[in-house]
Amino acid sequence: MKHTVVDTTRCFRPKSEALQLLIDRGFLHQCTDLEALDEKLQAGPITAYAGFDATADSLHVGHLLPLMAMRWLQKTGHKPILLVGGGTTRVGDPSFRSESRPLLDDTKIEHNLAGIRATVERLFDLSEGQGQIVNNAEWLDEFRFLEFLRDFGTHFTVNRMMTFDSVRSRLEAQQPLSVLEFCYMMLQAVDFVELNQRFDCTLQIGGSDQWGNIVNGVDLGRRSGSQLFGFTLPLLTTASGSKMGKTAEGAVWLNPSRLSSFGFWQFWRNADDADVPRLLKLFTDLPLGEIDRLSSLQGQELNEAKKILATQVTGIVHGLAAAEAALQQGEALFSGQEDLSQPTHELPLSLLAKPLGLLDLLVKTGFATTNNEARRLIRGGGVRLNTSIALEETRMISEGDLKPGERLTLAVGKRRKALVEFV
């Protein structure tokens, strides 16, 4: 069965509130059967899912796009399933990666799953009958290898799997693709069918890089007599064309344990002017009329729209109290003419009791991944603490070195800077 990319510029008027809303806010990139999905949504509540592998103990901004699409489905009366990949994480999704993902042990996977659940629980109503978190290890752990090959292997051809962009790009780059990774798309297809059989789930939402995997699931469902749908989201890029969701310090994490609420708020406050209208549509709950008003602001007034964007997204992801505190901190920084583009790292005040070594500080703030790397940075003269170049690897920082509420300015090189706050 052939699935084609949807041309959203053609005249199509959805009958369902959910699909109209997703299109109006810019979520639609591809759909396996737009008209049939619209009829399904119009007929009554459906169950949809988005999946997330446990490769880290927090989701990041790139994951927020499918999460927001799922939130809108729930707001319009449909039921979300947030599928966590306790099983598929052991394999690793090769989609558009130049190398294999590192394999994680079960202890690390469980730790990461707990962090992902913490994010999801803040974003959705997961009370009985409203939404749920499901772990695909529930069924993948139960399969026996020969039975799996017999039951599902006949529905997949290597010829077709080789045509998917995610596979072809890896091979064209002459990068190895293991059998383990090659089987990932089969596992994701089986996930969709299992969710359909267990929870009557009929829609999968994912990023544009998941199109091939999603289509496999739709086709596998069709062979078992189920009508399933795939819906992919546009690639999240900035107005300059770069991939959104990363900074010089790395991924923009959703969990406050990985990135402070203020650091998260700053990321959105520093959005490019041209990106503000789109980000307001995708990542806030504001009505489209209000978004149009904010998008029409010019000059310094547009900064108010950016503050609203930052506070709205932080409120959704971290909670209203954290968003309000971040806004107040941002206002204080702005009034003091400090550089708002500097991320802030919040560290426990208890770290200063020992006291804290400069090497550890560089690692904890992400400027270095190891103490050895931190030593190299210091020896090269590239580390500054406040206004002074830090030349001593054994430099220690204690609570007595700081005034109450004082933040440290840490810099590596000319461009990498951050504020460090001990709370």
Protein backbone atom coordinates (compact mmCIF):
# COMPACT_ATOMS: atom_id res chain seq x y z
CA MET A 1 0.00 0.00 0.00
CA LYS A 2 1.44 3.38 -1.01
CA HIS A 3 1.50 6.27 1.43
CA THR A 4 2.19 9.76 0.20
CA VAL A 5 3.26 13.04 1.74
CA VAL A 6 0.31 15.33 2.40
CA ASP A 7 0.23 18.67 0.61
CA THR A 8 -1.26 20.88 3.31
CA THR A 9 -1.56 23.79 0.87
CA ARG A 10 -4.38 22.13 -1.04
CA CYS A 11 -7.98 22.84 -0.13
CA PHE A 12 -8.94 20.53 2.69
CA ARG A 13 -11.37 21.47 5.42
CA PRO A 14 -11.30 19.02 8.32
CA LYS A 15 -14.59 18.22 9.98
CA SER A 16 -13.01 17.21 13.28
CA GLU A 17 -11.98 19.79 15.85
CA ALA A 18 -8.77 17.93 16.65
CA LEU A 19 -7.42 17.77 13.10
CA GLN A 20 -8.43 21.35 12.33
CA LEU A 21 -6.58 22.51 15.42
CA LEU A 22 -3.44 20.50 14.64
CA ILE A 23 -3.33 21.85 11.08
CA ASP A 24 -4.01 25.46 12.13
CA ARG A 25 -1.22 25.36 14.70
CA GLY A 26 1.31 23.88 12.25
CA PHE A 27 1.68 20.32 13.52
CA LEU A 28 0.95 18.43 10.29
CA HIS A 29 3.78 17.28 8.04
CA GLN A 30 2.68 13.89 6.70
CA CYS A 31 -0.35 11.66 7.16
CA THR A 32 -1.03 8.20 5.80
CA ASP A 33 -4.69 8.99 5.04
CA LEU A 34 -5.80 12.47 6.02
CA GLU A 35 -9.46 12.24 5.00
CA ALA A 36 -10.02 8.87 6.67
CA LEU A 37 -8.31 10.07 9.85
CA ASP A 38 -10.54 13.13 9.88
CA GLU A 39 -13.62 10.92 9.64
CA LYS A 40 -12.30 8.73 12.46
CA LEU A 41 -11.70 11.72 14.72
CA GLN A 42 -15.12 13.15 13.87
CA ALA A 43 -16.88 9.87 14.66
CA GLY A 44 -15.83 9.86 18.31
CA PRO A 45 -12.89 9.67 20.73
CA ILE A 46 -9.88 7.70 19.54
CA THR A 47 -6.71 6.51 21.25
CA ALA A 48 -3.37 7.79 19.92
CA TYR A 49 0.21 7.21 20.95
CA ALA A 50 3.68 8.67 20.73
CA GLY A 51 6.76 6.67 21.69
CA PHE A 52 9.98 7.62 23.46
CA ASP A 53 13.02 5.44 24.00
CA ALA A 54 14.86 5.70 27.31
CA THR A 55 18.22 6.86 25.96
CA ALA A 56 18.51 9.57 28.67
CA ASP A 57 16.83 10.31 31.99
CA SER A 58 15.02 13.30 30.51
CA LEU A 59 13.26 14.13 27.28
CA HIS A 60 14.40 17.26 25.43
CA VAL A 61 12.85 20.05 23.38
CA GLY A 62 12.81 17.87 20.27
CA HIS A 63 10.41 15.53 22.09
CA LEU A 64 8.17 18.39 23.16
CA LEU A 65 6.62 18.73 19.70
CA PRO A 66 4.90 15.28 19.70
CA LEU A 67 4.02 15.78 23.37
CA MET A 68 2.22 19.04 22.55
CA ALA A 69 0.37 17.41 19.65
CA MET A 70 -0.76 14.66 22.01
CA ARG A 71 -1.85 17.26 24.59
CA TRP A 72 -4.12 18.88 22.02
CA LEU A 73 -5.64 15.52 21.18
CA GLN A 74 -6.40 15.01 24.86
CA LYS A 75 -7.84 18.53 25.14
CA THR A 76 -10.24 17.72 22.27
CA GLY A 77 -11.53 14.55 23.92
CA HIS A 78 -9.14 11.86 22.71
CA LYS A 79 -7.02 9.52 24.80
CA PRO A 80 -3.20 9.65 24.74
CA ILE A 81 -0.87 6.74 25.32
CA LEU A 82 2.72 7.69 26.08
CA LEU A 83 4.75 4.64 25.11
CA VAL A 84 8.12 4.33 26.82
CA GLY A 85 10.63 2.02 25.19
CA GLY A 86 11.78 -0.28 27.94
CA GLY A 87 12.17 -2.92 25.23
CA THR A 88 13.23 -0.98 22.14
CA THR A 89 15.87 1.01 24.03
CA ARG A 90 17.87 -2.21 24.24
CA VAL A 91 18.04 -2.22 20.44
CA GLY A 92 18.43 1.44 19.53
CA ASP A 93 16.66 3.38 16.77
CA PRO A 94 19.10 3.88 13.84
CA SER A 95 16.94 6.51 12.12
CA PHE A 96 19.20 9.14 10.51
CA ARG A 97 22.10 8.38 12.85
CA SER A 98 25.65 8.08 11.55
CA GLU A 99 26.63 5.51 14.17
CA SER A 100 25.09 2.98 16.54
CA ARG A 101 23.65 4.14 19.83
CA PRO A 102 25.50 2.84 22.90
CA LEU A 103 23.70 -0.12 24.45
CA LEU A 104 22.37 0.52 27.97
CA ASP A 105 21.99 -2.01 30.75
CA ASP A 106 18.63 -2.64 32.43
CA THR A 107 19.50 -0.57 35.51
CA LYS A 108 20.28 2.50 33.40
CA ILE A 109 17.17 2.01 31.30
CA GLU A 110 14.96 1.86 34.40
CA HIS A 111 16.61 5.02 35.74
CA ASN A 112 15.95 6.79 32.46
CA LEU A 113 12.36 5.58 32.31
CA ALA A 114 11.69 7.13 35.72
CA GLY A 115 12.93 10.50 34.46
CA ILE A 116 10.76 10.32 31.35
CA ARG A 117 7.69 9.43 33.41
CA ALA A 118 8.31 12.49 35.58
CA THR A 119 8.10 14.73 32.52
CA VAL A 120 5.04 13.05 31.04
CA GLU A 121 3.10 13.14 34.30
CA ARG A 122 3.41 16.94 34.40
CA LEU A 123 2.02 17.34 30.89
CA PHE A 124 -1.00 15.02 30.81
CA ASP A 125 -4.04 13.97 32.76
CA LEU A 126 -3.21 10.34 33.43
CA SER A 127 -6.17 9.59 35.66
CA GLU A 128 -8.07 6.39 34.91
CA GLY A 129 -9.66 6.47 31.48
CA GLN A 130 -8.00 9.75 30.47
CA GLY A 131 -4.50 8.70 29.45
CA GLN A 132 -1.72 6.32 30.39
CA ILE A 133 1.95 5.46 30.21
CA VAL A 134 2.71 2.06 28.68
CA ASN A 135 6.07 0.25 28.52
CA ASN A 136 6.66 -1.83 25.38
CA ALA A 137 8.76 -4.26 27.41
CA GLU A 138 5.37 -5.68 28.50
CA TRP A 139 5.11 -7.56 25.20
CA LEU A 140 8.59 -7.42 23.67
CA ASP A 141 10.05 -9.25 26.67
CA GLU A 142 7.52 -12.04 26.16
CA PHE A 143 8.34 -12.83 22.54
CA ARG A 144 10.46 -15.85 21.70
CA PHE A 145 12.87 -15.28 18.84
CA LEU A 146 11.68 -18.01 16.47
CA GLU A 147 8.02 -17.24 17.15
CA PHE A 148 8.65 -13.54 16.49
CA LEU A 149 10.31 -14.30 13.15
CA ARG A 150 7.52 -16.67 12.16
CA ASP A 151 4.67 -14.33 13.16
CA PHE A 152 6.08 -11.03 11.88
CA GLY A 153 9.15 -11.66 9.71
CA THR A 154 7.08 -12.73 6.72
CA HIS A 155 5.42 -9.28 6.61
CA PHE A 156 8.68 -7.39 6.06
CA THR A 157 10.97 -7.55 3.05
CA VAL A 158 14.58 -6.49 3.11
CA ASN A 159 14.04 -4.95 -0.34
CA ARG A 160 11.49 -2.49 1.02
CA MET A 161 13.31 -1.81 4.26
CA MET A 162 16.39 -0.83 2.26
CA THR A 163 14.41 1.90 0.48
CA PHE A 164 13.71 3.89 3.64
CA ASP A 165 15.75 7.08 3.86
CA SER A 166 16.88 6.32 7.41
CA VAL A 167 18.53 3.09 6.23
CA ARG A 168 19.74 4.27 2.85
CA SER A 169 21.49 7.36 4.23
CA ARG A 170 23.44 5.21 6.68
CA LEU A 171 24.57 2.78 3.99
CA GLU A 172 25.41 5.49 1.46
CA ALA A 173 27.70 7.02 4.08
CA GLN A 174 29.35 3.59 4.35
CA GLN A 175 28.47 3.42 8.04
CA PRO A 176 27.78 -0.05 9.47
CA LEU A 177 24.18 -0.93 10.29
CA SER A 178 23.84 -3.90 12.61
CA VAL A 179 21.13 -6.54 12.31
CA LEU A 180 20.07 -5.45 15.80
CA GLU A 181 19.35 -1.90 14.60
CA PHE A 182 17.91 -3.10 11.30
CA CYS A 183 15.23 -4.97 13.24
CA TYR A 184 14.20 -1.83 15.13
CA MET A 185 11.64 -0.84 12.52
CA MET A 186 9.99 -4.25 12.91
CA LEU A 187 9.74 -3.75 16.67
CA GLN A 188 8.15 -0.31 16.27
CA ALA A 189 5.62 -1.73 13.83
CA VAL A 190 4.79 -4.51 16.29
CA ASP A 191 4.36 -1.89 19.03
CA PHE A 192 1.62 -0.20 17.01
CA VAL A 193 -0.23 -3.48 16.41
CA GLU A 194 0.08 -4.51 20.07
CA LEU A 195 -1.28 -1.15 21.22
CA ASN A 196 -4.15 -1.52 18.78
CA GLN A 197 -5.02 -4.98 20.04
CA ARG A 198 -4.63 -4.12 23.73
CA PHE A 199 -5.99 -0.56 23.88
CA ASP A 200 -7.76 0.02 20.53
CA CYS A 201 -5.05 2.55 19.60
CA THR A 202 -5.43 3.66 15.97
CA LEU A 203 -3.11 6.66 15.55
CA GLN A 204 0.65 7.07 15.94
CA ILE A 205 2.23 10.51 16.12
CA GLY A 206 5.96 11.02 15.61
CA GLY A 207 8.68 13.14 14.10
CA SER A 208 9.26 13.32 10.37
CA ASP A 209 12.27 11.01 10.78
CA GLN A 210 9.89 8.28 11.95
CA TRP A 211 7.81 8.19 8.73
CA GLY A 212 9.19 4.87 7.51
CA ASN A 213 8.78 3.16 10.88
CA ILE A 214 5.25 4.49 11.27
CA VAL A 215 4.22 3.36 7.78
CA ASN A 216 5.48 -0.13 8.60
CA GLY A 217 3.15 -0.22 11.60
CA VAL A 218 0.19 1.02 9.57
CA ASP A 219 0.79 -1.66 6.93
CA LEU A 220 1.27 -4.41 9.52
CA GLY A 221 -2.03 -3.41 11.10
CA ARG A 222 -3.78 -3.52 7.73
CA ARG A 223 -2.58 -7.09 7.21
CA SER A 224 -4.20 -8.05 10.50
CA GLY A 225 -7.46 -6.32 9.55
CA SER A 226 -7.05 -3.01 11.43
CA GLN A 227 -7.21 0.49 9.97
CA LEU A 228 -4.34 2.42 11.55
CA PHE A 229 -3.09 5.93 10.86
CA GLY A 230 0.27 7.67 10.96
CA PHE A 231 0.76 11.39 11.51
CA THR A 232 4.20 13.00 11.44
CA LEU A 233 5.32 16.42 12.57
CA PRO A 234 7.55 18.95 10.80
CA LEU A 235 11.25 19.11 11.53
CA LEU A 236 11.82 21.67 14.25
CA THR A 237 14.19 24.27 12.80
CA THR A 238 14.92 27.92 13.49
CA ALA A 239 14.43 30.74 11.00
CA SER A 240 18.12 30.42 10.12
CA GLY A 241 17.60 26.77 9.15
CA SER A 242 19.46 25.16 12.05
CA LYS A 243 17.95 22.33 14.07
CA MET A 244 16.18 23.68 17.13
CA GLY A 245 16.57 22.26 20.61
CA LYS A 246 20.30 22.42 21.19
CA THR A 247 22.65 25.07 22.52
CA ALA A 248 26.41 25.25 22.86
CA GLU A 249 25.96 23.41 26.15
CA GLY A 250 24.01 20.56 24.52
CA ALA A 251 20.37 19.45 24.45
CA VAL A 252 17.66 21.60 26.04
CA TRP A 253 16.31 19.12 28.57
CA LEU A 254 12.75 19.14 29.90
CA ASN A 255 13.46 17.84 33.41
CA PRO A 256 14.60 20.47 35.93
CA SER A 257 17.15 17.97 37.24
CA ARG A 258 19.00 18.39 33.93
CA LEU A 259 18.26 22.05 33.19
CA SER A 260 16.99 24.60 35.69
CA SER A 261 13.61 26.21 35.16
CA PHE A 262 15.33 29.53 34.58
CA GLY A 263 17.75 28.01 32.07
CA PHE A 264 14.75 26.50 30.27
CA TRP A 265 12.92 29.85 30.39
CA GLN A 266 15.99 31.61 28.95
CA PHE A 267 16.10 29.26 25.99
CA TRP A 268 12.64 30.36 24.88
CA ARG A 269 13.19 34.02 25.82
CA ASN A 270 16.20 34.07 23.47
CA ALA A 271 14.22 32.84 20.45
CA ASP A 272 14.86 34.59 17.15
CA ASP A 273 12.25 37.25 16.36
CA ALA A 274 11.20 35.40 13.21
CA ASP A 275 10.56 32.17 15.15
CA VAL A 276 8.21 33.63 17.77
CA PRO A 277 4.87 33.23 15.89
CA ARG A 278 5.51 29.58 15.06
CA LEU A 279 6.77 28.73 18.55
CA LEU A 280 3.71 30.34 20.14
CA LYS A 281 1.45 28.14 17.99
CA LEU A 282 3.33 24.92 18.62
CA PHE A 283 4.38 25.20 22.25
CA THR A 284 1.74 27.24 24.09
CA ASP A 285 -1.96 26.85 24.80
CA LEU A 286 -2.72 30.45 23.85
CA PRO A 287 -5.66 31.03 21.48
CA LEU A 288 -4.69 31.70 17.88
CA GLY A 289 -6.20 35.18 18.03
CA GLU A 290 -3.91 36.14 20.92
CA ILE A 291 -0.95 34.59 19.10
CA ASP A 292 -1.73 36.73 16.05
CA ARG A 293 -1.75 39.83 18.27
CA LEU A 294 1.57 38.95 19.89
CA SER A 295 3.10 38.09 16.52
CA SER A 296 2.25 41.53 15.17
CA LEU A 297 4.34 43.30 17.81
CA GLN A 298 7.50 45.01 16.61
CA GLY A 299 10.77 46.20 18.09
CA GLN A 300 11.04 46.23 21.86
CA GLU A 301 7.38 45.21 22.17
CA LEU A 302 8.26 41.84 20.65
CA ASN A 303 10.37 41.15 23.75
CA GLU A 304 7.13 41.02 25.71
CA ALA A 305 5.88 38.32 23.35
CA LYS A 306 9.11 36.40 23.98
CA LYS A 307 8.61 36.63 27.74
CA ILE A 308 5.07 35.35 27.34
CA LEU A 309 6.35 32.50 25.15
CA ALA A 310 9.03 31.57 27.68
CA THR A 311 6.67 31.75 30.65
CA GLN A 312 3.91 29.80 28.93
CA VAL A 313 6.19 26.93 27.85
CA THR A 314 7.95 26.80 31.21
CA GLY A 315 4.56 26.69 32.94
CA ILE A 316 3.48 23.73 30.83
CA VAL A 317 6.71 21.78 31.30
CA HIS A 318 7.89 22.79 34.80
CA GLY A 319 4.71 24.08 36.43
CA LEU A 320 3.21 27.53 37.02
CA ALA A 321 5.21 28.29 40.18
CA ALA A 322 8.52 27.53 38.45
CA ALA A 323 7.49 29.63 35.45
CA GLU A 324 6.60 32.62 37.62
CA ALA A 325 9.90 32.36 39.50
CA ALA A 326 11.81 32.16 36.22
CA LEU A 327 9.99 35.22 34.89
CA GLN A 328 10.87 37.20 38.01
CA GLN A 329 14.50 36.15 37.76
CA GLY A 330 14.52 37.13 34.11
CA GLU A 331 13.05 40.53 34.89
CA ALA A 332 15.70 41.08 37.55
CA LEU A 333 18.49 40.13 35.17
CA PHE A 334 17.09 42.32 32.42
CA SER A 335 16.71 45.33 34.68
CA GLY A 336 20.31 44.82 35.80
CA GLN A 337 21.47 44.81 32.16
CA GLU A 338 23.03 41.37 32.55
CA ASP A 339 23.42 39.15 29.50
CA LEU A 340 20.14 37.24 29.26
CA SER A 341 21.66 34.82 26.76
CA GLN A 342 23.81 33.26 29.47
CA PRO A 343 22.29 30.02 30.75
CA THR A 344 22.00 29.59 34.51
CA HIS A 345 23.00 26.41 36.31
CA GLU A 346 21.42 25.84 39.72
CA LEU A 347 23.57 23.69 42.01
CA PRO A 348 22.87 22.59 45.60
CA LEU A 349 24.35 24.96 48.17
CA SER A 350 25.52 21.89 50.09
CA LEU A 351 28.23 21.36 47.45
CA LEU A 352 30.13 24.33 48.89
CA ALA A 353 30.39 22.76 52.34
CA LYS A 354 33.38 20.56 51.35
CA PRO A 355 34.29 22.98 49.45
CA LEU A 356 33.78 22.50 45.67
CA GLY A 357 36.74 22.10 43.33
CA LEU A 358 36.93 24.02 40.07
CA LEU A 359 37.36 20.76 38.16
CA ASP A 360 34.09 19.44 39.59
CA LEU A 361 32.36 22.75 38.85
CA LEU A 362 33.33 22.56 35.17
CA VAL A 363 32.00 19.01 34.94
CA LYS A 364 28.75 19.71 36.83
CA THR A 365 27.95 22.67 34.60
CA GLY A 366 28.65 20.73 31.42
CA PHE A 367 31.70 22.68 30.26
CA ALA A 368 33.73 19.47 30.54
CA THR A 369 32.74 15.83 30.57
CA THR A 370 35.65 14.61 32.71
CA ASN A 371 38.15 16.03 35.18
CA ASN A 372 40.92 15.42 32.65
CA GLU A 373 39.11 17.53 30.07
CA ALA A 374 38.59 20.24 32.70
CA ARG A 375 42.34 20.20 33.48
CA ARG A 376 43.17 20.70 29.80
CA LEU A 377 40.83 23.69 29.61
CA ILE A 378 42.42 25.29 32.67
CA ARG A 379 45.97 24.61 31.48
CA GLY A 380 45.12 26.23 28.17
CA GLY A 381 44.12 29.44 29.94
CA GLY A 382 40.59 29.29 28.60
CA VAL A 383 38.68 29.22 31.89
CA ARG A 384 37.53 32.38 33.65
CA LEU A 385 35.80 32.58 37.01
CA ASN A 386 33.98 35.90 37.28
CA THR A 387 36.51 38.29 35.71
CA SER A 388 39.71 36.39 36.47
CA ILE A 389 41.46 33.70 34.46
CA ALA A 390 41.51 30.50 36.49
CA LEU A 391 45.00 29.01 36.32
CA GLU A 392 44.99 26.70 39.35
CA GLU A 393 43.58 23.21 38.82
CA THR A 394 43.28 22.85 42.59
CA ARG A 395 41.16 26.00 42.98
CA MET A 396 38.42 25.45 45.56
CA ILE A 397 35.19 27.40 46.04
CA SER A 398 33.50 27.59 49.44
CA GLU A 399 30.35 29.22 50.75
CA GLY A 400 32.44 31.98 52.29
CA ASP A 401 33.61 33.05 48.83
CA LEU A 402 30.10 34.19 47.88
CA LYS A 403 27.80 36.86 49.20
CA PRO A 404 24.19 35.77 49.90
CA GLY A 405 22.42 35.33 46.56
CA GLU A 406 25.58 36.00 44.55
CA ARG A 407 26.06 34.09 41.30
CA LEU A 408 29.32 33.04 39.74
CA THR A 409 30.08 33.81 36.12
CA LEU A 410 31.88 30.88 34.52
CA ALA A 411 33.35 31.16 31.04
CA VAL A 412 35.26 28.80 28.77
CA GLY A 413 36.71 30.48 25.73
CA LYS A 414 35.12 33.58 24.24
CA ARG A 415 31.62 32.29 23.59
CA ARG A 416 30.72 29.72 26.24
CA LYS A 417 29.44 31.48 29.34
CA ALA A 418 27.05 30.62 32.14
CA LEU A 419 25.84 31.87 35.49
CA VAL A 420 26.14 29.46 38.41
CA GLU A 421 23.70 29.84 41.28
CA PHE A 422 23.89 27.82 44.49
CA VAL A 423 20.47 27.21 46.03
